[in-house]
Amino acid sequence: MSRLLITGASGYLGGHLLALAAAERWAVTGTYFSNPIAANGGAGLSLDLTDAGAVAAAVAAARPGAIIHTACSNRNPANVHAIVPAARHLAAAARAQGARLVHLSTDQVFDGEQAPYDDDDAPNPITEYGRAKAEAEAAVRAACPDAVIVRPSLIWSLDPLDKQTGWLVDGLCQGTRVTLFTDEQRCPVHLDDLAALLLQLARRPELAGPLNAGGAQALNRWDFGLRLLAALRLVRKPNVRPGRVAEGRLVRPRNLILRSRRAKALQLTALRGVDDVLAADLRRLA
């Protein structure tokens, strides 16, 4: 049984990964910072990823053959500030242990002005989160050149509901204003597909470097939101409105369409488009 360490295992993606890895018979340990891990097949380990000594000791004790790094989101400034040191410490520990490192980045390392983006396109972030993720990518490459760097787009699911879709549903039901941009393009990737891809990459140490992980269908945020509401059998109300990034003077990448060519060429897990996932769900429930 192969040993696997998953960081951020109390989070949305990390928790799903922990359960899936246990089901696939990995000997899996998940780390968390402030939210203990619920029982889902793996062992839990409290770890501050910004503490280099603690990270080195934890990895040495766990002796993983592979590490999947999902921790450090854009939820708050503290998480964003932890992105670079956490990546640097994990990459150094992975190299010292001889462990396979699968590092989760984001499509937001791109500026949104030169889409579509290929796997090897150079980062040019315009937000604080994107800049931190781009710097983390560079730190991983420097410390652990054999790591694979995965750049997903919006991670979504209706079961369990992802945070953004939950925000949309809550806003709809509470009557608060919800603006979904018509001029912001993304390639949403389903939670199940991304988790399967990450576990597959954990078993493929020969694959290194950047790898785009966008879903096969590009959608703007408005069209994506309408599809999700329809799938949930919720009727849009006037408080859910279309809008434009430019009108709000917001600093957001507008077009982050990804070409996930490496994943396709290597015949890795298929990253389905939103319509294909929803159609499959309808067939399953029929």
Foldseek 3Di string as FASTA:
>chain_A
DAEEEEEPCQDDLNVVLQLVCQVVPHQYEYEDAPDFHDDRRYHYDHADLLDLVRLLVVCVVRLGQAYEYDFQDVPDPVSLVSLQSSLLSNLQSCVVSVHAYEYEAALQQDQQPDDDDEQPDQGDHDDSSSVSRNNSLVSNCVRHVLYEYEYEYAEADVVVGDPVLVVVVVCQVVVAAAEFEQQAKFQYFYSVQVSQLSVVVSVVSNDGGGFYQGAPDIGGRVVVNVVVCVLVVHDGDPSYYYDHPVVVVDRGNRHSNYDRVVCVVVVTRHGHGPVVVSVVVVVVVD
